[in-house]
Structure formats: C-alpha cells, structure tokens
N, C-alpha and C. Protein backbone atom coordinates (compact mmCIF):
# COMPACT_ATOMS: atom_id res chain seq x y z
N MET A 1 -2.08 6.09 36.51
CA MET A 1 -1.54 4.89 35.89
C MET A 1 -2.65 4.05 35.27
N LYS A 2 -3.87 4.14 35.81
CA LYS A 2 -4.96 3.34 35.27
C LYS A 2 -5.27 3.73 33.83
N GLY A 3 -5.28 5.03 33.56
CA GLY A 3 -5.53 5.50 32.20
C GLY A 3 -4.46 5.05 31.23
N PHE A 4 -3.19 5.07 31.68
CA PHE A 4 -2.10 4.62 30.83
C PHE A 4 -2.24 3.13 30.54
N LYS A 5 -2.61 2.35 31.54
CA LYS A 5 -2.80 0.91 31.35
C LYS A 5 -3.92 0.65 30.35
N GLN A 6 -5.01 1.39 30.45
CA GLN A 6 -6.11 1.23 29.51
C GLN A 6 -5.68 1.60 28.09
N PHE A 7 -4.88 2.66 27.97
CA PHE A 7 -4.38 3.08 26.66
C PHE A 7 -3.51 1.99 26.04
N ILE A 8 -2.60 1.42 26.82
CA ILE A 8 -1.68 0.41 26.31
C ILE A 8 -2.42 -0.87 25.97
N MET A 9 -3.43 -1.22 26.72
CA MET A 9 -4.13 -2.49 26.53
C MET A 9 -5.23 -2.43 25.47
N ARG A 10 -5.49 -1.26 24.92
CA ARG A 10 -6.47 -1.17 23.84
C ARG A 10 -5.99 -1.99 22.66
N GLY A 11 -6.89 -2.59 21.95
CA GLY A 11 -6.53 -3.47 20.84
C GLY A 11 -5.76 -2.78 19.74
N ASN A 12 -6.15 -1.56 19.39
CA ASN A 12 -5.48 -0.91 18.26
C ASN A 12 -4.04 -0.55 18.57
N VAL A 13 -3.69 -0.27 19.82
CA VAL A 13 -2.31 0.03 20.18
C VAL A 13 -1.46 -1.23 20.06
N LEU A 14 -1.99 -2.35 20.54
CA LEU A 14 -1.26 -3.61 20.43
C LEU A 14 -1.13 -4.03 18.97
N ASP A 15 -2.19 -3.85 18.19
CA ASP A 15 -2.13 -4.17 16.76
C ASP A 15 -1.08 -3.32 16.07
N LEU A 16 -1.02 -2.05 16.40
CA LEU A 16 -0.03 -1.16 15.80
C LEU A 16 1.38 -1.58 16.18
N ALA A 17 1.59 -1.96 17.43
CA ALA A 17 2.92 -2.40 17.86
C ALA A 17 3.34 -3.66 17.10
N VAL A 18 2.44 -4.60 16.95
CA VAL A 18 2.74 -5.82 16.21
C VAL A 18 3.02 -5.48 14.75
N ALA A 19 2.24 -4.58 14.17
CA ALA A 19 2.44 -4.19 12.77
C ALA A 19 3.80 -3.54 12.56
N VAL A 20 4.24 -2.71 13.49
CA VAL A 20 5.55 -2.06 13.37
C VAL A 20 6.66 -3.10 13.42
N VAL A 21 6.58 -4.03 14.36
CA VAL A 21 7.60 -5.07 14.48
C VAL A 21 7.61 -5.95 13.23
N MET A 22 6.44 -6.37 12.78
CA MET A 22 6.35 -7.21 11.58
C MET A 22 6.82 -6.43 10.35
N GLY A 23 6.49 -5.16 10.27
CA GLY A 23 6.93 -4.34 9.14
C GLY A 23 8.43 -4.20 9.09
N ALA A 24 9.07 -4.03 10.26
CA ALA A 24 10.53 -3.93 10.29
C ALA A 24 11.16 -5.25 9.87
N ALA A 25 10.62 -6.36 10.34
CA ALA A 25 11.17 -7.67 9.96
C ALA A 25 10.95 -7.93 8.47
N PHE A 26 9.78 -7.60 7.98
CA PHE A 26 9.49 -7.80 6.56
C PHE A 26 10.36 -6.88 5.71
N GLY A 27 10.58 -5.65 6.17
CA GLY A 27 11.45 -4.73 5.45
C GLY A 27 12.86 -5.28 5.32
N ALA A 28 13.35 -5.93 6.37
CA ALA A 28 14.69 -6.53 6.30
C ALA A 28 14.73 -7.66 5.28
N VAL A 29 13.66 -8.45 5.21
CA VAL A 29 13.61 -9.54 4.23
C VAL A 29 13.58 -8.98 2.81
N VAL A 30 12.77 -7.98 2.55
CA VAL A 30 12.68 -7.40 1.22
C VAL A 30 13.99 -6.72 0.83
N THR A 31 14.62 -6.01 1.77
CA THR A 31 15.90 -5.37 1.49
C THR A 31 16.96 -6.42 1.15
N ALA A 32 16.97 -7.52 1.88
CA ALA A 32 17.92 -8.59 1.59
C ALA A 32 17.64 -9.21 0.22
N LEU A 33 16.39 -9.39 -0.11
CA LEU A 33 16.03 -9.93 -1.43
C LEU A 33 16.57 -9.04 -2.54
N VAL A 34 16.36 -7.75 -2.40
CA VAL A 34 16.82 -6.82 -3.44
C VAL A 34 18.34 -6.74 -3.46
N LYS A 35 18.96 -6.59 -2.28
CA LYS A 35 20.41 -6.40 -2.21
C LYS A 35 21.17 -7.67 -2.60
N ASP A 36 20.70 -8.83 -2.15
CA ASP A 36 21.46 -10.07 -2.33
C ASP A 36 21.08 -10.87 -3.57
N LEU A 37 19.90 -10.64 -4.12
CA LEU A 37 19.48 -11.44 -5.27
C LEU A 37 19.20 -10.60 -6.52
N ILE A 38 18.39 -9.59 -6.39
CA ILE A 38 17.96 -8.85 -7.58
C ILE A 38 19.07 -7.93 -8.10
N THR A 39 19.73 -7.17 -7.20
CA THR A 39 20.80 -6.28 -7.64
C THR A 39 21.96 -7.05 -8.28
N PRO A 40 22.44 -8.17 -7.70
CA PRO A 40 23.49 -8.93 -8.38
C PRO A 40 23.04 -9.49 -9.73
N LEU A 41 21.77 -9.85 -9.84
CA LEU A 41 21.25 -10.32 -11.12
C LEU A 41 21.32 -9.21 -12.16
N ILE A 42 20.94 -8.02 -11.79
CA ILE A 42 21.03 -6.87 -12.70
C ILE A 42 22.49 -6.59 -13.03
N ALA A 43 23.37 -6.68 -12.04
CA ALA A 43 24.79 -6.44 -12.26
C ALA A 43 25.37 -7.47 -13.23
N ALA A 44 24.90 -8.71 -13.14
CA ALA A 44 25.39 -9.75 -14.05
C ALA A 44 24.94 -9.50 -15.48
N ILE A 45 23.79 -8.86 -15.63
CA ILE A 45 23.25 -8.62 -16.97
C ILE A 45 23.80 -7.34 -17.59
N VAL A 46 23.79 -6.23 -16.85
CA VAL A 46 24.16 -4.93 -17.43
C VAL A 46 25.42 -4.31 -16.84
N GLY A 47 26.08 -4.98 -15.94
CA GLY A 47 27.26 -4.40 -15.29
C GLY A 47 26.89 -3.89 -13.91
N LYS A 48 27.88 -3.39 -13.18
CA LYS A 48 27.65 -2.95 -11.81
C LYS A 48 26.72 -1.73 -11.77
N PRO A 49 25.55 -1.86 -11.10
CA PRO A 49 24.60 -0.74 -11.06
C PRO A 49 24.93 0.25 -9.94
N ASP A 50 26.05 0.96 -10.08
CA ASP A 50 26.45 1.93 -9.07
C ASP A 50 26.64 3.29 -9.74
N PHE A 51 25.86 4.27 -9.29
CA PHE A 51 25.90 5.60 -9.89
C PHE A 51 26.52 6.62 -8.94
N SER A 52 27.15 6.17 -7.85
CA SER A 52 27.61 7.09 -6.81
C SER A 52 28.71 8.05 -7.29
N ALA A 53 29.38 7.74 -8.38
CA ALA A 53 30.44 8.62 -8.87
C ALA A 53 29.90 9.83 -9.64
N ILE A 54 28.62 9.84 -9.96
CA ILE A 54 28.04 10.96 -10.72
C ILE A 54 27.80 12.14 -9.77
N GLN A 55 28.44 13.24 -10.07
CA GLN A 55 28.27 14.45 -9.24
C GLN A 55 28.67 15.67 -10.05
N PHE A 56 28.25 16.83 -9.58
CA PHE A 56 28.70 18.08 -10.19
C PHE A 56 28.85 19.11 -9.08
N GLU A 57 29.54 20.19 -9.41
CA GLU A 57 29.85 21.19 -8.40
C GLU A 57 29.43 22.57 -8.88
N VAL A 58 28.82 23.35 -8.00
CA VAL A 58 28.44 24.73 -8.26
C VAL A 58 28.89 25.56 -7.07
N ASN A 59 29.76 26.52 -7.32
CA ASN A 59 30.29 27.38 -6.26
C ASN A 59 30.83 26.57 -5.08
N LYS A 60 31.61 25.56 -5.37
CA LYS A 60 32.25 24.69 -4.38
C LYS A 60 31.26 23.89 -3.55
N SER A 61 30.03 23.75 -4.02
CA SER A 61 29.03 22.89 -3.38
C SER A 61 28.84 21.66 -4.26
N LYS A 62 29.03 20.49 -3.67
CA LYS A 62 28.90 19.25 -4.43
C LYS A 62 27.45 18.77 -4.43
N PHE A 63 26.98 18.41 -5.60
CA PHE A 63 25.66 17.83 -5.78
C PHE A 63 25.86 16.36 -6.15
N LEU A 64 25.53 15.45 -5.23
CA LEU A 64 25.77 14.02 -5.41
C LEU A 64 24.56 13.37 -6.08
N ILE A 65 24.44 13.62 -7.36
CA ILE A 65 23.32 13.08 -8.13
C ILE A 65 23.35 11.56 -8.12
N GLY A 66 24.53 10.97 -8.16
CA GLY A 66 24.66 9.51 -8.20
C GLY A 66 24.07 8.84 -6.98
N ASP A 67 24.27 9.41 -5.79
CA ASP A 67 23.68 8.83 -4.58
C ASP A 67 22.16 8.85 -4.64
N PHE A 68 21.63 9.94 -5.16
CA PHE A 68 20.17 10.03 -5.32
C PHE A 68 19.67 8.97 -6.31
N ILE A 69 20.40 8.80 -7.41
CA ILE A 69 19.99 7.80 -8.41
C ILE A 69 20.06 6.40 -7.80
N ASN A 70 21.11 6.12 -7.00
CA ASN A 70 21.21 4.82 -6.32
C ASN A 70 20.02 4.60 -5.39
N ALA A 71 19.65 5.62 -4.63
CA ALA A 71 18.50 5.49 -3.72
C ALA A 71 17.21 5.29 -4.50
N LEU A 72 17.06 5.98 -5.62
CA LEU A 72 15.86 5.85 -6.44
C LEU A 72 15.77 4.45 -7.06
N VAL A 73 16.88 3.95 -7.58
CA VAL A 73 16.89 2.60 -8.15
C VAL A 73 16.59 1.56 -7.07
N SER A 74 17.17 1.75 -5.90
CA SER A 74 16.91 0.83 -4.78
C SER A 74 15.43 0.84 -4.40
N PHE A 75 14.85 2.04 -4.32
CA PHE A 75 13.42 2.15 -4.01
C PHE A 75 12.56 1.44 -5.05
N LEU A 76 12.88 1.67 -6.33
CA LEU A 76 12.10 1.04 -7.40
C LEU A 76 12.23 -0.48 -7.36
N LEU A 77 13.42 -0.98 -7.08
CA LEU A 77 13.60 -2.43 -6.99
C LEU A 77 12.85 -3.02 -5.80
N ILE A 78 12.87 -2.33 -4.67
CA ILE A 78 12.15 -2.80 -3.49
C ILE A 78 10.64 -2.75 -3.75
N ALA A 79 10.16 -1.68 -4.37
CA ALA A 79 8.73 -1.57 -4.68
C ALA A 79 8.31 -2.68 -5.64
N ALA A 80 9.13 -2.96 -6.65
CA ALA A 80 8.81 -4.04 -7.60
C ALA A 80 8.82 -5.38 -6.90
N ALA A 81 9.79 -5.61 -6.02
CA ALA A 81 9.85 -6.88 -5.29
C ALA A 81 8.61 -7.07 -4.42
N VAL A 82 8.22 -6.03 -3.70
CA VAL A 82 7.02 -6.12 -2.86
C VAL A 82 5.79 -6.39 -3.72
N TYR A 83 5.67 -5.70 -4.85
CA TYR A 83 4.50 -5.89 -5.69
C TYR A 83 4.45 -7.30 -6.27
N PHE A 84 5.55 -7.74 -6.88
CA PHE A 84 5.53 -9.02 -7.58
C PHE A 84 5.62 -10.23 -6.66
N PHE A 85 6.22 -10.10 -5.48
CA PHE A 85 6.37 -11.24 -4.58
C PHE A 85 5.38 -11.25 -3.43
N VAL A 86 4.66 -10.14 -3.18
CA VAL A 86 3.70 -10.11 -2.08
C VAL A 86 2.31 -9.71 -2.57
N VAL A 87 2.18 -8.53 -3.15
CA VAL A 87 0.87 -7.99 -3.50
C VAL A 87 0.18 -8.81 -4.58
N LEU A 88 0.87 -9.07 -5.67
CA LEU A 88 0.28 -9.82 -6.78
C LEU A 88 -0.12 -11.24 -6.38
N PRO A 89 0.76 -12.02 -5.71
CA PRO A 89 0.32 -13.35 -5.27
C PRO A 89 -0.84 -13.31 -4.27
N MET A 90 -0.84 -12.32 -3.37
CA MET A 90 -1.93 -12.24 -2.38
C MET A 90 -3.24 -11.89 -3.07
N ASN A 91 -3.22 -10.97 -4.03
CA ASN A 91 -4.44 -10.64 -4.77
C ASN A 91 -4.95 -11.84 -5.55
N THR A 92 -4.04 -12.61 -6.15
CA THR A 92 -4.44 -13.81 -6.89
C THR A 92 -5.06 -14.83 -5.95
N LEU A 93 -4.45 -15.03 -4.79
CA LEU A 93 -4.98 -15.97 -3.80
C LEU A 93 -6.36 -15.54 -3.32
N LEU A 94 -6.53 -14.26 -3.00
CA LEU A 94 -7.84 -13.78 -2.54
C LEU A 94 -8.89 -13.89 -3.64
N ALA A 95 -8.51 -13.65 -4.88
CA ALA A 95 -9.47 -13.79 -5.99
C ALA A 95 -9.91 -15.24 -6.13
N ARG A 96 -8.99 -16.19 -5.96
CA ARG A 96 -9.36 -17.61 -6.02
C ARG A 96 -10.29 -18.00 -4.88
N LEU A 97 -10.03 -17.46 -3.69
CA LEU A 97 -10.86 -17.79 -2.54
C LEU A 97 -12.27 -17.22 -2.69
N ARG A 98 -12.39 -16.08 -3.35
CA ARG A 98 -13.69 -15.42 -3.50
C ARG A 98 -14.43 -15.86 -4.76
N ARG A 99 -13.82 -16.69 -5.59
CA ARG A 99 -14.41 -17.06 -6.87
C ARG A 99 -15.78 -17.70 -6.72
N GLY A 100 -15.98 -18.54 -5.73
CA GLY A 100 -17.25 -19.24 -5.56
C GLY A 100 -18.32 -18.44 -4.84
N GLU A 101 -17.96 -17.33 -4.24
CA GLU A 101 -18.92 -16.54 -3.48
C GLU A 101 -19.77 -15.67 -4.39
N ALA A 102 -21.05 -15.61 -4.07
CA ALA A 102 -21.94 -14.69 -4.79
C ALA A 102 -21.82 -13.31 -4.15
N PRO A 103 -21.87 -12.25 -4.94
CA PRO A 103 -21.80 -10.92 -4.34
C PRO A 103 -23.02 -10.68 -3.46
N PRO A 104 -22.84 -10.01 -2.35
CA PRO A 104 -23.98 -9.76 -1.46
C PRO A 104 -25.01 -8.85 -2.11
N ASP A 105 -26.28 -9.10 -1.78
CA ASP A 105 -27.35 -8.25 -2.29
C ASP A 105 -27.21 -6.85 -1.69
N PRO A 106 -27.36 -5.85 -2.51
CA PRO A 106 -27.24 -4.49 -1.97
C PRO A 106 -28.41 -4.17 -1.05
N THR A 107 -28.10 -3.50 0.04
CA THR A 107 -29.15 -3.09 0.98
C THR A 107 -29.38 -1.59 0.90
N THR A 108 -28.49 -0.89 0.22
CA THR A 108 -28.63 0.55 0.08
C THR A 108 -28.40 0.94 -1.38
N LYS A 109 -28.84 2.14 -1.70
CA LYS A 109 -28.61 2.71 -3.02
C LYS A 109 -28.30 4.19 -2.83
N GLU A 110 -27.92 4.84 -3.90
CA GLU A 110 -27.57 6.24 -3.85
C GLU A 110 -28.71 7.08 -4.43
N CYS A 111 -29.06 8.15 -3.74
CA CYS A 111 -30.08 9.06 -4.24
C CYS A 111 -29.54 9.76 -5.49
N PRO A 112 -30.30 9.75 -6.60
CA PRO A 112 -29.80 10.39 -7.82
C PRO A 112 -29.72 11.91 -7.72
N GLU A 113 -30.40 12.49 -6.77
CA GLU A 113 -30.44 13.94 -6.64
C GLU A 113 -29.33 14.46 -5.72
N CYS A 114 -29.28 13.94 -4.48
CA CYS A 114 -28.31 14.48 -3.51
C CYS A 114 -27.15 13.53 -3.24
N LEU A 115 -27.17 12.35 -3.85
CA LEU A 115 -26.11 11.35 -3.75
C LEU A 115 -25.90 10.80 -2.34
N SER A 116 -26.90 10.92 -1.47
CA SER A 116 -26.80 10.33 -0.14
C SER A 116 -27.18 8.85 -0.22
N THR A 117 -26.77 8.08 0.77
CA THR A 117 -27.06 6.66 0.82
C THR A 117 -28.41 6.45 1.50
N ILE A 118 -29.28 5.67 0.82
CA ILE A 118 -30.62 5.40 1.34
C ILE A 118 -30.92 3.92 1.18
N PRO A 119 -31.88 3.37 1.95
CA PRO A 119 -32.25 1.96 1.81
C PRO A 119 -32.82 1.67 0.42
N VAL A 120 -32.62 0.44 -0.06
CA VAL A 120 -33.10 0.05 -1.38
C VAL A 120 -34.61 0.18 -1.49
N ALA A 121 -35.33 -0.14 -0.44
CA ALA A 121 -36.79 -0.12 -0.48
C ALA A 121 -37.38 1.28 -0.34
N ALA A 122 -36.57 2.30 -0.13
CA ALA A 122 -37.08 3.66 0.06
C ALA A 122 -37.75 4.17 -1.21
N THR A 123 -38.88 4.88 -1.02
CA THR A 123 -39.59 5.48 -2.16
C THR A 123 -39.37 6.99 -2.20
N ARG A 124 -38.78 7.54 -1.14
CA ARG A 124 -38.49 8.97 -1.07
C ARG A 124 -37.18 9.13 -0.29
N CYS A 125 -36.34 10.01 -0.76
CA CYS A 125 -35.06 10.26 -0.11
C CYS A 125 -35.28 10.96 1.23
N ALA A 126 -34.66 10.45 2.28
CA ALA A 126 -34.81 11.03 3.61
C ALA A 126 -34.05 12.35 3.75
N HIS A 127 -33.13 12.61 2.84
CA HIS A 127 -32.30 13.80 2.94
C HIS A 127 -32.84 14.97 2.12
N CYS A 128 -33.27 14.69 0.88
CA CYS A 128 -33.73 15.78 0.03
C CYS A 128 -35.22 15.66 -0.33
N ALA A 129 -35.88 14.60 0.12
CA ALA A 129 -37.33 14.38 -0.05
C ALA A 129 -37.77 14.18 -1.50
N ILE A 130 -36.85 13.88 -2.41
CA ILE A 130 -37.23 13.63 -3.80
C ILE A 130 -37.92 12.27 -3.90
N PRO A 131 -39.02 12.15 -4.65
CA PRO A 131 -39.65 10.85 -4.83
C PRO A 131 -38.75 9.94 -5.69
N LEU A 132 -38.64 8.67 -5.30
CA LEU A 132 -37.76 7.74 -5.98
C LEU A 132 -38.53 6.64 -6.70
N GLY A 133 -39.80 6.76 -6.84
CA GLY A 133 -40.66 5.71 -7.37
C GLY A 133 -40.17 5.06 -8.65
N GLY A 134 -39.98 5.79 -9.72
CA GLY A 134 -39.63 5.22 -11.00
C GLY A 134 -38.15 5.13 -11.27
N ARG A 135 -37.33 5.42 -10.29
CA ARG A 135 -35.88 5.45 -10.54
C ARG A 135 -35.20 4.24 -10.01
C-alpha cells in the first residue's frame, strides 16, 4: 500500500487528475457555446445545418454520410471556438506580458559540423573535436 500511496501522491498524477476534470468541464462549456450559440447563428443565416438525412445504400448496407458530416461540422465549429475564444486571446495576452522583457542571452550554440549543443565560449566541439575559433 505504501507504493500505491506514493504513486497517487506524486505531483504529476494529481496534476493529470486535475487536468482531466478541468478538461471535461471546459469541454462542456465549449460544446454548449457551439450548440447553443454558434450553431443557431449559422442556422439563422443559412438555414438548419442538419445533414443527417444524407445516406446511400450498397447491398442493403446503409452508409450514413450525413451523420459523419454533422460530426465533422461540429468538430470544426468546436475547434474554431477553442481557437478564437481561448488560444488566440491567450497568445495575445502572453505576447503583451512578454513585450517588455529582453530575450535571454544564449548560453549554448550548435556545432556547425555535428549539430550538437555546446557552450557559447567553447573553442572546440566536445563531441566531434572540430575547432570552432572563427565560426
């Protein structure tokens, strides 16, 4: 039981549990946004966006293309809602917060020969031994 307790109490397990719960709650909010606001707006503009009646049959097997199209449209609307209402505003906010910061001075560089990471002050690559003096 001690090992199980240590496993459960590790930070990454708790972080993952919180992320799953928050993701489910956020998913419900985004689904409601699309279902209750965006889809009716589209329906008001172009008519009812329901493709479930589209189907065809081959050897008495029904292919419900309309259901797939409905799921695809729903996915695209949810992806657009997440991008425009979450990702884009968050990126804009982070860019504003970082505007005044100077970029950190690099402490490493890449060897032009073997592409390994080496300290900026190095005069010879520790991996391939190429001299770096004039580069």
